[in-house]
């Protein structure tokens, strides 16, 4: 009991230490420590290997978290990591390594990580089975933990028992982290975080089906830790912690205190944060911007004064270094800055930014009227190559309805309609071409596949080969789609005419500033928005459950009044 209490205390200490070291993943840390605890304290009771799966995007701390936990608990001598993406262990090498473990080691219990596990796929992208003999031993171990040692001289093979071990399966599942491919440095990490928190265990299992056979997925068990993407707060904490580490190291080695002002911290975040790539780009930016320049910073200081004990770093177009000794200012020096993204995000105050500002504000007003929500952020200058401006919004409703289709069309038409209204019919640009393409495709697909046209619900053929199976006369459908879009355009034009002052005020702000946050939009809305638009934003729309539960059943087409007259055996439960 004393040993058990001691181990539990060490686990809790490790839990706290991990939360001080890794940011934005407290829930994942708790799940990992709780799962690890049963093995750490009572591995001798296990009859099968413990399998713990960790899934997340790159750079969120999956492998590093396990490595640090192992160090915290002093288990490095029992820890054995394997990279499933390498060919190093092909053709029996892995089996030889595993057979080398002694019975005493296995009885004590070993820790294994199977990193980059998604690369060990046994099902191709086209759904065909892949025969990879080198991985069969892994699936055997994850199943019952028994490995036949064929290297013994006896006729009967010796069985290696890995049942007391713990296996960490680690990987990136692009199929479920659908935002992984978005490399835009303009997208707010909080939006990626929000999307990642909606990933569920069933979604992970569906993603695994595209890479592994069903019986293999079963061997992975149900202990899956789903990592969120890092949010803004996590990146800020990572920055502060790394700067503290650098400052402490400089202080210990040179006696010089290194301070970074707020402006430089904001610059580092703007330059180094890429939501889908985790902590690595930010840490790299800190390294080449500050850490690698410390020798130069100190050398330049000695040119300014013989003795100094404080260095304050700031930024404009260059890295500025101010030197102090016991509070007395001694002078300053500067070094070039090699940042690229931050420059691309700066306000330019030119015609292009003014045009983008109007375009994005048109989208914003269409979105507010259609969805009844305020955008999270508007950008009139973007570092991305795919779009000069961006409107960021929260996740859309789960169920796609006719109401949402109309809201999407109003949003997509907002850009071109605003350009025409502000600059004139002869001065709108080609910037809405992608919006028009997306809108037309969305409406046609919705009308053809989901009967949003309001007519007879039939499936329309996609091409000539489907004519024998599906309805294919789409002339009437096309006319309805065109009329639907025209009605939306007319409604949106009237909305923007009514909200002209708000549109212009929002656009004028974005013409001078590269971005505008939700709170700023709400402030402008409160001052310049119409009562009708404010009402749309504050309106509480009932969900499907509320619509159902508020139906009385009488006089509303539900037919529940006939329940009283039906046989008891046919009555729904509870009626």
Protein backbone atom coordinates (compact mmCIF):
# COMPACT_ATOMS: atom_id res chain seq x y z
CA UNK A 1 0.00 0.00 0.00
CA UNK A 2 2.87 2.37 0.77
CA UNK A 3 4.36 1.75 -2.67
CA UNK A 4 0.99 2.37 -4.29
CA UNK A 5 0.56 5.66 -2.42
CA UNK A 6 4.07 6.68 -3.38
CA UNK A 7 3.45 5.98 -7.06
CA UNK A 8 0.15 7.84 -6.96
CA UNK A 9 1.90 10.86 -5.45
CA UNK A 10 4.55 10.77 -8.19
CA UNK A 11 1.83 10.58 -10.85
CA UNK A 12 0.05 13.62 -9.48
CA UNK A 13 3.31 15.53 -9.29
CA UNK A 14 4.00 14.59 -12.91
CA UNK A 15 0.49 15.72 -13.90
CA UNK A 16 1.12 19.17 -12.46
CA UNK A 17 4.56 19.40 -14.01
CA UNK A 18 3.23 18.47 -17.47
CA UNK A 19 0.56 21.17 -17.27
CA UNK A 20 3.28 23.71 -16.50
CA UNK A 21 5.24 22.58 -19.54
CA UNK A 22 2.53 21.93 -22.17
CA UNK A 23 -0.23 24.41 -22.91
CA UNK A 24 -3.72 24.09 -24.32
CA UNK A 25 -3.93 20.32 -23.77
CA UNK A 26 -4.88 19.98 -20.08
CA UNK A 27 -7.68 17.54 -20.91
CA UNK A 28 -5.31 15.35 -22.93
CA UNK A 29 -2.80 15.40 -20.06
CA UNK A 30 -5.46 14.29 -17.60
CA UNK A 31 -6.58 11.47 -19.87
CA UNK A 32 -3.01 10.32 -20.45
CA UNK A 33 -2.02 10.36 -16.79
CA UNK A 34 -5.22 8.59 -15.76
CA UNK A 35 -4.73 5.89 -18.41
CA UNK A 36 -1.05 5.56 -17.59
CA UNK A 37 -1.73 5.31 -13.87
CA UNK A 38 -3.38 1.89 -14.02
CA UNK A 39 -0.32 0.44 -15.75
CA UNK A 40 2.20 2.35 -13.64
CA UNK A 41 0.68 1.23 -10.34
CA UNK A 42 -0.73 -2.21 -11.17
CA UNK A 43 0.83 -3.51 -14.38
CA UNK A 44 1.31 -6.94 -12.78
CA UNK A 45 -2.47 -7.39 -12.79
CA UNK A 46 -2.73 -6.94 -16.56
CA UNK A 47 -3.64 -9.95 -18.67
CA UNK A 48 -3.36 -8.11 -21.96
CA UNK A 49 -1.25 -5.15 -23.10
CA UNK A 50 -2.67 -1.71 -22.38
CA UNK A 51 -3.14 0.27 -25.61
CA UNK A 52 -3.51 4.07 -25.44
CA UNK A 53 -4.10 5.98 -28.68
CA UNK A 54 -3.14 9.63 -29.12
CA UNK A 55 -4.40 11.48 -32.22
CA UNK A 56 -3.81 15.10 -33.15
CA UNK A 57 -2.27 17.52 -35.61
CA UNK A 58 1.45 18.04 -35.80
CA UNK A 59 3.19 20.06 -33.11
CA UNK A 60 0.56 19.77 -30.37
CA UNK A 61 2.68 17.65 -28.01
CA UNK A 62 1.78 14.00 -28.51
CA UNK A 63 5.21 12.34 -28.55
CA UNK A 64 6.83 15.02 -26.40
CA UNK A 65 4.17 14.58 -23.73
CA UNK A 66 4.91 10.87 -23.37
CA UNK A 67 8.67 11.46 -23.46
CA UNK A 68 8.40 14.01 -20.66
CA UNK A 69 6.10 11.79 -18.59
CA UNK A 70 8.62 8.97 -18.86
CA UNK A 71 11.41 11.30 -17.67
CA UNK A 72 9.29 12.68 -14.82
CA UNK A 73 8.71 9.15 -13.48
CA UNK A 74 12.27 7.91 -14.07
CA UNK A 75 11.22 5.19 -16.52
CA UNK A 76 13.66 5.88 -19.33
CA UNK A 77 15.29 2.45 -18.89
CA UNK A 78 11.93 0.80 -19.62
CA UNK A 79 10.96 3.02 -22.52
CA UNK A 80 11.32 1.99 -26.19
CA UNK A 81 10.05 4.24 -29.00
CA UNK A 82 9.45 3.00 -32.55
CA UNK A 83 8.73 5.04 -35.66
CA UNK A 84 6.18 3.24 -37.83
CA UNK A 85 7.00 5.48 -40.78
CA UNK A 86 10.53 4.17 -41.21
CA UNK A 87 11.75 1.08 -43.00
CA UNK A 88 14.43 0.56 -40.37
CA UNK A 89 12.54 -2.32 -38.76
CA UNK A 90 11.55 -4.10 -41.97
CA UNK A 91 11.99 -7.81 -42.70
CA UNK A 92 12.11 -9.11 -39.18
CA UNK A 93 14.35 -6.53 -37.54
CA UNK A 94 11.58 -5.40 -35.26
CA UNK A 95 10.89 -8.99 -34.26
CA UNK A 96 14.56 -9.48 -33.43
CA UNK A 97 14.57 -6.38 -31.25
CA UNK A 98 11.45 -7.49 -29.39
CA UNK A 99 12.78 -11.01 -28.89
CA UNK A 100 15.87 -9.55 -27.22
CA UNK A 101 13.93 -8.45 -24.16
CA UNK A 102 14.38 -10.72 -21.17
CA UNK A 103 11.57 -12.34 -19.24
CA UNK A 104 12.45 -10.21 -16.21
CA UNK A 105 12.08 -7.01 -18.29
CA UNK A 106 8.74 -8.15 -19.66
CA UNK A 107 7.48 -9.16 -16.23
CA UNK A 108 8.36 -5.71 -14.89
CA UNK A 109 6.46 -4.11 -17.78
CA UNK A 110 7.86 -2.03 -20.65
CA UNK A 111 6.65 1.11 -22.40
CA UNK A 112 6.48 1.31 -26.19
CA UNK A 113 5.48 4.15 -28.49
CA UNK A 114 4.40 3.41 -32.05
CA UNK A 115 4.78 6.86 -33.58
CA UNK A 116 3.51 7.99 -37.00
CA UNK A 117 1.11 5.08 -36.79
CA UNK A 118 -1.03 6.42 -39.62
CA UNK A 119 1.81 5.50 -42.00
CA UNK A 120 1.45 1.81 -41.11
CA UNK A 121 -1.81 1.70 -43.03
CA UNK A 122 -3.08 -1.65 -44.27
CA UNK A 123 -5.81 -0.20 -46.51
CA UNK A 124 -4.91 1.96 -49.51
CA UNK A 125 -6.48 5.31 -50.34
CA UNK A 126 -8.69 3.45 -52.80
CA UNK A 127 -9.86 0.93 -50.19
CA UNK A 128 -7.66 -1.95 -51.32
CA UNK A 129 -5.91 -4.17 -48.79
CA UNK A 130 -2.16 -3.69 -48.47
CA UNK A 131 0.01 -6.62 -47.46
CA UNK A 132 2.74 -5.39 -45.15
CA UNK A 133 4.21 -8.35 -43.37
CA UNK A 134 6.56 -6.22 -41.28
CA UNK A 135 3.61 -4.81 -39.33
CA UNK A 136 1.90 -8.11 -38.54
CA UNK A 137 3.96 -8.52 -35.40
CA UNK A 138 2.70 -5.14 -34.17
CA UNK A 139 -0.93 -6.13 -34.58
CA UNK A 140 -0.21 -9.43 -32.83
CA UNK A 141 1.30 -7.60 -29.85
CA UNK A 142 -1.61 -5.17 -29.64
CA UNK A 143 -4.00 -8.12 -29.61
CA UNK A 144 -2.81 -10.50 -26.88
CA UNK A 145 0.80 -9.47 -26.23
CA UNK A 146 2.22 -12.89 -27.14
CA UNK A 147 5.20 -13.19 -29.47
CA UNK A 148 6.61 -16.50 -30.65
CA UNK A 149 10.41 -16.50 -30.43
CA UNK A 150 11.45 -18.59 -33.44
CA UNK A 151 15.11 -17.97 -32.73
CA UNK A 152 15.33 -20.60 -29.97
CA UNK A 153 17.02 -23.93 -30.65
CA UNK A 154 14.23 -25.99 -29.11
CA UNK A 155 11.63 -27.61 -31.33
CA UNK A 156 8.82 -25.86 -29.48
CA UNK A 157 8.98 -22.07 -30.00
CA UNK A 158 9.31 -19.97 -26.86
CA UNK A 159 6.52 -17.48 -26.18
CA UNK A 160 7.49 -13.92 -25.22
CA UNK A 161 4.80 -12.39 -23.03
CA UNK A 162 4.22 -8.63 -23.51
CA UNK A 163 0.92 -8.63 -21.65
CA UNK A 164 2.34 -6.47 -18.82
CA UNK A 165 3.42 -3.73 -21.24
CA UNK A 166 1.82 -0.48 -22.35
CA UNK A 167 1.71 0.62 -26.00
CA UNK A 168 1.16 4.23 -27.02
CA UNK A 169 -0.19 4.48 -30.56
CA UNK A 170 0.52 8.00 -31.85
CA UNK A 171 -0.50 9.55 -35.13
CA UNK A 172 -1.94 12.34 -37.25
CA UNK A 173 -5.34 11.57 -38.77
CA UNK A 174 -5.81 13.99 -41.67
CA UNK A 175 -9.19 12.44 -42.43
CA UNK A 176 -10.66 13.69 -39.15
CA UNK A 177 -8.54 16.82 -38.65
CA UNK A 178 -9.87 18.24 -41.91
CA UNK A 179 -8.41 21.68 -41.16
CA UNK A 180 -4.84 20.28 -41.35
CA UNK A 181 -4.42 21.29 -44.99
CA UNK A 182 -5.15 24.96 -44.33
CA UNK A 183 -1.70 26.52 -44.15
CA UNK A 184 -2.97 30.09 -44.08
CA UNK A 185 -1.21 32.22 -41.46
CA UNK A 186 -4.26 34.50 -41.43
CA UNK A 187 -6.78 32.09 -39.92
CA UNK A 188 -7.36 32.61 -36.23
CA UNK A 189 -6.09 29.57 -34.25
CA UNK A 190 -9.18 29.81 -32.05
CA UNK A 191 -11.30 28.77 -35.04
CA UNK A 192 -9.14 25.68 -35.63
CA UNK A 193 -9.37 24.93 -31.92
CA UNK A 194 -13.15 25.20 -31.99
CA UNK A 195 -13.36 22.81 -34.96
CA UNK A 196 -11.02 20.30 -33.32
CA UNK A 197 -13.07 20.17 -30.12
CA UNK A 198 -16.01 18.86 -32.16
CA UNK A 199 -14.10 15.72 -33.19
CA UNK A 200 -15.60 12.62 -31.56
CA UNK A 201 -14.54 9.02 -31.01
CA UNK A 202 -16.91 7.74 -33.74
CA UNK A 203 -15.32 10.24 -36.15
CA UNK A 204 -11.87 8.89 -35.26
CA UNK A 205 -13.05 5.32 -35.85
CA UNK A 206 -14.45 6.29 -39.25
CA UNK A 207 -11.12 7.91 -40.14
CA UNK A 208 -9.24 4.78 -39.06
CA UNK A 209 -11.44 2.68 -41.37
CA UNK A 210 -9.83 4.46 -44.32
CA UNK A 211 -6.40 3.22 -43.21
CA UNK A 212 -6.90 -0.07 -41.35
CA UNK A 213 -9.06 -3.17 -41.44
CA UNK A 214 -11.96 -3.47 -39.01
CA UNK A 215 -10.36 -6.21 -36.91
CA UNK A 216 -7.23 -4.08 -36.56
CA UNK A 217 -9.22 -1.06 -35.39
CA UNK A 218 -10.78 -3.32 -32.77
CA UNK A 219 -7.30 -4.19 -31.49
CA UNK A 220 -6.61 -0.50 -30.90
CA UNK A 221 -9.40 -0.56 -28.33
CA UNK A 222 -11.51 2.37 -27.17
CA UNK A 223 -8.92 4.38 -25.24
CA UNK A 224 -8.42 7.27 -27.70
CA UNK A 225 -7.09 10.65 -26.59
CA UNK A 226 -8.16 13.29 -29.13
CA UNK A 227 -5.94 16.36 -29.02
CA UNK A 228 -7.39 19.79 -29.78
CA UNK A 229 -5.59 22.27 -32.00
CA UNK A 230 -3.72 24.94 -30.06
CA UNK A 231 -5.67 28.15 -29.44
CA UNK A 232 -4.34 31.70 -29.14
CA UNK A 233 -3.90 31.45 -25.38
CA UNK A 234 -1.80 28.31 -25.77
CA UNK A 235 0.51 30.02 -28.28
CA UNK A 236 0.89 33.01 -25.96
CA UNK A 237 1.86 30.69 -23.09
CA UNK A 238 4.35 28.83 -25.30
CA UNK A 239 5.93 32.15 -26.25
CA UNK A 240 6.16 33.39 -22.66
CA UNK A 241 7.64 30.13 -21.43
CA UNK A 242 10.29 29.99 -24.15
CA UNK A 243 11.28 33.62 -23.58
CA UNK A 244 11.59 32.91 -19.84
CA UNK A 245 13.84 29.92 -20.58
CA UNK A 246 16.08 31.99 -22.86
CA UNK A 247 16.24 34.88 -20.38
CA UNK A 248 17.07 32.51 -17.51
CA UNK A 249 19.86 30.87 -19.50
CA UNK A 250 21.37 34.25 -20.43
CA UNK A 251 21.13 35.44 -16.82
CA UNK A 252 22.84 32.32 -15.47
CA UNK A 253 25.66 32.37 -18.03
CA UNK A 254 26.34 36.10 -18.35
CA UNK A 255 24.60 37.88 -15.46
CA UNK A 256 22.65 39.96 -18.00
CA UNK A 257 18.86 40.33 -17.70
CA UNK A 258 17.11 39.98 -21.06
CA UNK A 259 13.69 41.64 -21.42
CA UNK A 260 11.30 41.52 -24.40
CA UNK A 261 8.71 44.28 -24.76
CA UNK A 262 5.03 43.76 -25.65
CA UNK A 263 5.42 44.92 -29.26
CA UNK A 264 8.11 42.33 -30.00
CA UNK A 265 6.01 39.58 -28.41
CA UNK A 266 3.11 40.53 -30.68
CA UNK A 267 5.48 40.52 -33.67
CA UNK A 268 6.71 37.04 -32.80
CA UNK A 269 3.15 35.72 -32.57
CA UNK A 270 2.17 37.36 -35.86
CA UNK A 271 5.25 35.96 -37.57
CA UNK A 272 5.42 32.53 -35.95
CA UNK A 273 1.89 31.25 -35.36
CA UNK A 274 0.42 28.91 -37.95
CA UNK A 275 -2.63 27.28 -36.42
CA UNK A 276 -2.42 23.89 -38.12
CA UNK A 277 1.30 23.37 -37.50
CA UNK A 278 1.39 23.61 -33.74
CA UNK A 279 4.25 24.99 -31.69
CA UNK A 280 7.18 24.30 -34.03
CA UNK A 281 6.92 27.35 -36.36
CA UNK A 282 6.63 29.69 -33.35
CA UNK A 283 9.62 28.10 -31.58
CA UNK A 284 11.60 28.34 -34.82
CA UNK A 285 10.71 32.02 -35.16
CA UNK A 286 11.85 32.71 -31.60
CA UNK A 287 15.08 30.89 -32.31
CA UNK A 288 16.14 32.72 -35.46
CA UNK A 289 14.78 36.11 -34.33
CA UNK A 290 16.20 36.22 -30.79
CA UNK A 291 18.07 33.20 -29.54
CA UNK A 292 20.52 32.97 -32.44
CA UNK A 293 21.30 36.70 -32.13
CA UNK A 294 22.20 36.75 -28.46
CA UNK A 295 25.99 36.70 -29.10
CA UNK A 296 25.61 39.70 -31.44
CA UNK A 297 23.36 41.48 -28.93
CA UNK A 298 25.95 41.10 -26.18
CA UNK A 299 28.85 42.05 -28.49
CA UNK A 300 27.07 45.25 -29.60
CA UNK A 301 26.42 46.05 -25.93
CA UNK A 302 30.12 46.00 -25.12
CA UNK A 303 30.65 48.46 -27.95
CA UNK A 304 28.13 50.77 -26.28
CA UNK A 305 29.48 50.44 -22.74
CA UNK A 306 32.06 48.49 -20.80
CA UNK A 307 29.48 47.17 -18.40
CA UNK A 308 25.71 46.63 -18.59
CA UNK A 309 23.32 44.26 -16.86
CA UNK A 310 19.96 44.78 -18.59
CA UNK A 311 19.01 44.43 -22.24
CA UNK A 312 15.54 45.45 -23.51
CA UNK A 313 14.48 44.23 -26.95
CA UNK A 314 11.84 45.95 -29.12
CA UNK A 315 10.90 46.03 -32.79
CA UNK A 316 9.99 48.39 -35.60
CA UNK A 317 11.54 47.66 -38.99
CA UNK A 318 14.60 46.36 -37.13
CA UNK A 319 15.33 44.63 -33.85
CA UNK A 320 16.19 47.43 -31.44
CA UNK A 321 18.38 46.74 -28.41
CA UNK A 322 18.52 49.13 -25.45
CA UNK A 323 21.27 48.73 -22.84
CA UNK A 324 21.04 49.64 -19.15
CA UNK A 325 23.22 49.42 -16.08
CA UNK A 326 21.47 49.57 -12.71
CA UNK A 327 18.56 51.45 -14.27
CA UNK A 328 20.71 53.93 -16.18
CA UNK A 329 20.25 54.09 -19.95
CA UNK A 330 23.55 53.55 -21.80
CA UNK A 331 22.58 53.52 -25.47
CA UNK A 332 21.01 51.40 -28.17
CA UNK A 333 21.89 49.33 -31.22
CA UNK A 334 19.89 47.50 -33.87
CA UNK A 335 19.94 44.37 -36.00
CA UNK A 336 17.99 43.55 -39.16
CA UNK A 337 14.78 41.55 -38.86
CA UNK A 338 14.23 38.72 -41.29
CA UNK A 339 10.48 38.29 -40.81
CA UNK A 340 8.27 37.82 -43.85
CA UNK A 341 4.71 37.11 -42.73
CA UNK A 342 4.37 40.13 -40.47
CA UNK A 343 5.17 42.46 -43.40
CA UNK A 344 2.53 40.79 -45.53
CA UNK A 345 -0.08 41.39 -42.81
CA UNK A 346 0.56 45.14 -42.48
CA UNK A 347 -2.01 47.67 -43.56
CA UNK A 348 -1.08 49.22 -46.92
CA UNK A 349 -3.72 51.92 -47.17
CA UNK A 350 -3.96 51.61 -50.96
CA UNK A 351 -6.75 51.09 -53.53
CA UNK A 352 -6.50 47.31 -53.30
CA UNK A 353 -7.05 47.33 -49.54
CA UNK A 354 -10.02 49.70 -49.93
CA UNK A 355 -11.58 47.39 -52.52
CA UNK A 356 -11.03 44.29 -50.37
CA UNK A 357 -12.43 46.13 -47.35
CA UNK A 358 -15.72 46.84 -49.13
CA UNK A 359 -15.87 43.29 -50.51
CA UNK A 360 -15.35 41.61 -47.14
CA UNK A 361 -17.76 43.97 -45.35
CA UNK A 362 -20.39 43.03 -47.95
CA UNK A 363 -19.83 39.38 -47.07
CA UNK A 364 -20.11 40.28 -43.38
CA UNK A 365 -23.47 42.03 -43.78
CA UNK A 366 -24.84 39.16 -45.87
CA UNK A 367 -23.65 36.74 -43.20
CA UNK A 368 -25.16 38.77 -40.36
CA UNK A 369 -28.55 39.01 -42.07
CA UNK A 370 -28.58 35.38 -43.22
CA UNK A 371 -27.18 33.62 -40.15
CA UNK A 372 -28.02 36.17 -37.47
CA UNK A 373 -24.44 36.15 -36.20
CA UNK A 374 -21.46 38.51 -36.18
CA UNK A 375 -18.26 37.34 -37.92
CA UNK A 376 -15.33 36.48 -35.68
CA UNK A 377 -12.85 38.52 -37.71
CA UNK A 378 -12.50 40.45 -40.97
CA UNK A 379 -9.20 40.86 -42.85
CA UNK A 380 -8.58 43.41 -45.59
CA UNK A 381 -4.91 42.42 -45.88
CA UNK A 382 -3.88 38.76 -45.87
CA UNK A 383 -0.57 36.95 -46.05
CA UNK A 384 -2.25 34.06 -47.83
CA UNK A 385 -1.79 33.69 -51.56
CA UNK A 386 -5.26 32.26 -52.18
CA UNK A 387 -7.28 35.28 -51.03
CA UNK A 388 -6.55 39.01 -50.55
CA UNK A 389 -9.17 39.22 -47.80
CA UNK A 390 -10.86 36.84 -45.38
CA UNK A 391 -14.00 36.68 -43.26
CA UNK A 392 -13.70 34.25 -40.35
CA UNK A 393 -16.85 32.78 -38.84
CA UNK A 394 -17.68 30.18 -36.22
CA UNK A 395 -18.82 26.68 -37.14
CA UNK A 396 -21.96 26.48 -39.27
CA UNK A 397 -25.13 24.61 -38.15
CA UNK A 398 -24.93 20.82 -38.14
CA UNK A 399 -28.01 20.36 -40.35
CA UNK A 400 -27.96 22.00 -43.78
CA UNK A 401 -31.44 23.35 -44.53
CA UNK A 402 -33.19 25.60 -47.05
CA UNK A 403 -32.74 28.44 -44.55
CA UNK A 404 -28.99 27.85 -44.42
CA UNK A 405 -28.76 27.60 -48.21
CA UNK A 406 -30.32 31.05 -48.48
CA UNK A 407 -27.97 32.37 -45.77
CA UNK A 408 -24.96 30.98 -47.65
CA UNK A 409 -26.10 32.62 -50.90
CA UNK A 410 -26.65 35.96 -49.17
CA UNK A 411 -23.14 35.71 -47.71
CA UNK A 412 -21.47 34.75 -51.00
CA UNK A 413 -23.29 37.50 -52.93
CA UNK A 414 -22.27 40.11 -50.35
CA UNK A 415 -18.90 40.91 -51.91
CA UNK A 416 -19.99 41.74 -55.46
CA UNK A 417 -23.18 43.47 -54.30
CA UNK A 418 -21.24 45.74 -51.94
CA UNK A 419 -18.73 46.59 -54.67
CA UNK A 420 -21.54 47.65 -57.02
CA UNK A 421 -23.26 49.69 -54.32
CA UNK A 422 -20.15 51.58 -53.16
CA UNK A 423 -18.10 51.91 -56.37
CA UNK A 424 -20.84 51.79 -59.01
CA UNK A 425 -22.05 49.23 -61.54
CA UNK A 426 -19.10 49.94 -63.86
CA UNK A 427 -16.42 49.58 -61.19
CA UNK A 428 -17.01 46.20 -59.56
CA UNK A 429 -14.15 43.75 -60.12
CA UNK A 430 -13.47 40.09 -60.88
CA UNK A 431 -12.82 39.48 -57.17
CA UNK A 432 -16.18 37.76 -56.77
CA UNK A 433 -15.55 35.10 -59.44
CA UNK A 434 -14.81 32.39 -56.88
CA UNK A 435 -17.83 33.46 -54.81
CA UNK A 436 -20.07 33.14 -57.86
CA UNK A 437 -18.63 29.73 -58.71
CA UNK A 438 -19.18 28.42 -55.16
CA UNK A 439 -22.67 29.88 -54.92
CA UNK A 440 -23.84 28.48 -58.27
CA UNK A 441 -22.48 25.04 -57.50
CA UNK A 442 -24.01 25.06 -54.01
CA UNK A 443 -27.47 26.02 -55.26
CA UNK A 444 -27.48 23.57 -58.18
CA UNK A 445 -26.25 20.67 -56.04
CA UNK A 446 -28.78 21.47 -53.32
CA UNK A 447 -31.62 21.63 -55.81
CA UNK A 448 -30.54 18.47 -57.66
CA UNK A 449 -29.74 16.29 -54.65
CA UNK A 450 -31.89 17.49 -51.75
CA UNK A 451 -35.07 18.88 -53.38
CA UNK A 452 -34.51 22.37 -51.96
CA UNK A 453 -36.24 23.68 -55.12
CA UNK A 454 -39.62 22.97 -53.50
CA UNK A 455 -40.83 20.66 -56.25
CA UNK A 456 -41.10 16.89 -56.55
CA UNK A 457 -38.21 15.29 -54.59
CA UNK A 458 -36.31 13.28 -57.19
CA UNK A 459 -32.64 12.57 -57.79
CA UNK A 460 -31.20 14.26 -60.87
CA UNK A 461 -28.55 12.58 -63.03
CA UNK A 462 -25.02 13.98 -62.83
CA UNK A 463 -24.03 12.86 -66.35
CA UNK A 464 -25.29 10.92 -69.36
CA UNK A 465 -24.43 7.49 -68.00
CA UNK A 466 -26.93 8.03 -65.17
CA UNK A 467 -29.85 8.96 -67.44
CA UNK A 468 -31.29 5.44 -67.21
CA UNK A 469 -31.42 5.62 -63.42
CA UNK A 470 -32.21 9.23 -62.50
CA UNK A 471 -34.30 12.11 -63.74
CA UNK A 472 -32.33 14.24 -66.21
CA UNK A 473 -34.51 17.04 -67.56
CA UNK A 474 -33.05 19.99 -65.63
CA UNK A 475 -34.44 22.96 -67.61
CA UNK A 476 -37.14 23.61 -65.01
CA UNK A 477 -34.61 23.07 -62.22
CA UNK A 478 -32.20 25.59 -63.73
CA UNK A 479 -34.98 28.15 -64.01
CA UNK A 480 -35.88 27.65 -60.34
CA UNK A 481 -32.22 27.93 -59.31
CA UNK A 482 -31.80 31.15 -61.25
CA UNK A 483 -34.96 32.59 -59.73
CA UNK A 484 -33.81 31.59 -56.23
CA UNK A 485 -30.46 33.36 -56.71
CA UNK A 486 -32.17 36.42 -58.23
CA UNK A 487 -34.52 36.68 -55.24
CA UNK A 488 -31.56 36.44 -52.85
CA UNK A 489 -29.68 39.11 -54.79
CA UNK A 490 -32.65 41.47 -54.70
CA UNK A 491 -33.11 40.91 -50.97
CA UNK A 492 -29.42 41.48 -50.31
CA UNK A 493 -29.35 44.65 -52.42
CA UNK A 494 -32.22 46.05 -50.34
CA UNK A 495 -30.40 45.05 -47.12
CA UNK A 496 -27.16 46.76 -48.15
CA UNK A 497 -29.06 49.87 -49.29
CA UNK A 498 -30.66 50.04 -45.87
CA UNK A 499 -27.33 49.34 -44.09
CA UNK A 500 -25.28 51.62 -46.36
CA UNK A 501 -23.91 53.73 -43.50
CA UNK A 502 -22.81 50.65 -41.54
CA UNK A 503 -21.25 49.15 -44.69
CA UNK A 504 -19.26 52.29 -45.43
CA UNK A 505 -18.14 52.81 -41.82
CA UNK A 506 -16.94 49.20 -41.51
CA UNK A 507 -15.15 49.42 -44.86
CA UNK A 508 -13.49 52.74 -43.99
CA UNK A 509 -12.05 51.19 -40.84
CA UNK A 510 -10.76 48.18 -42.76
CA UNK A 511 -9.32 50.42 -45.46
CA UNK A 512 -6.95 51.82 -42.82
CA UNK A 513 -6.50 48.70 -40.66
CA UNK A 514 -5.60 45.21 -41.78
CA UNK A 515 -8.13 43.47 -39.54
CA UNK A 516 -11.25 43.98 -37.48
CA UNK A 517 -12.32 41.73 -34.61
CA UNK A 518 -15.78 40.66 -33.52
CA UNK A 519 -16.04 43.22 -30.72
CA UNK A 520 -15.19 46.08 -33.08
CA UNK A 521 -17.82 44.91 -35.58
CA UNK A 522 -20.39 44.70 -32.79
CA UNK A 523 -19.55 48.24 -31.68
CA UNK A 524 -20.07 49.60 -35.20
CA UNK A 525 -23.27 47.57 -35.49
CA UNK A 526 -24.61 49.10 -32.27
CA UNK A 527 -23.94 52.64 -33.56
CA UNK A 528 -24.73 52.45 -37.30
CA UNK A 529 -26.82 49.31 -37.76
CA UNK A 530 -30.59 49.36 -38.34
CA UNK A 531 -33.07 48.05 -35.81
CA UNK A 532 -33.95 45.26 -38.24
CA UNK A 533 -30.35 44.03 -38.46
CA UNK A 534 -29.85 44.27 -34.70
CA UNK A 535 -33.04 42.28 -34.31
CA UNK A 536 -31.68 39.57 -36.60
CA UNK A 537 -28.54 39.31 -34.49
CA UNK A 538 -30.37 39.15 -31.18
CA UNK A 539 -33.16 36.89 -32.44
CA UNK A 540 -33.21 33.45 -30.86
CA UNK A 541 -33.97 30.89 -33.53
CA UNK A 542 -35.59 27.69 -32.27
CA UNK A 543 -33.79 24.45 -33.01
CA UNK A 544 -35.38 21.31 -34.37
CA UNK A 545 -35.93 19.88 -30.90
CA UNK A 546 -37.63 23.04 -29.69
CA UNK A 547 -39.83 23.14 -32.78
CA UNK A 548 -40.85 19.55 -32.15
CA UNK A 549 -41.46 19.82 -28.43
CA UNK A 550 -43.57 22.99 -28.73
CA UNK A 551 -46.03 21.33 -31.11
CA UNK A 552 -49.30 20.57 -29.32
CA UNK A 553 -50.26 17.91 -31.85
CA UNK A 554 -53.73 19.36 -32.45
CA UNK A 555 -54.49 21.39 -35.51
CA UNK A 556 -50.86 21.23 -36.62
CA UNK A 557 -50.86 18.24 -38.89
CA UNK A 558 -49.22 15.82 -36.49
CA UNK A 559 -52.21 13.51 -36.21
CA UNK A 560 -51.63 12.81 -32.51
CA UNK A 561 -55.32 13.25 -31.77
CA UNK A 562 -55.93 9.82 -33.27
CA UNK A 563 -53.76 8.12 -30.66
CA UNK A 564 -56.61 7.94 -28.18
CA UNK A 565 -58.65 5.87 -30.60
CA UNK A 566 -55.96 3.40 -31.68
CA UNK A 567 -55.46 -0.06 -30.12
CA UNK A 568 -53.32 -0.02 -26.96
CA UNK A 569 -50.76 -2.36 -28.55
CA UNK A 570 -50.13 0.20 -31.30
CA UNK A 571 -49.74 3.23 -29.06
CA UNK A 572 -46.24 4.77 -28.89
CA UNK A 573 -44.45 4.26 -25.58
CA UNK A 574 -45.53 6.78 -22.97
CA UNK A 575 -48.81 7.75 -24.67
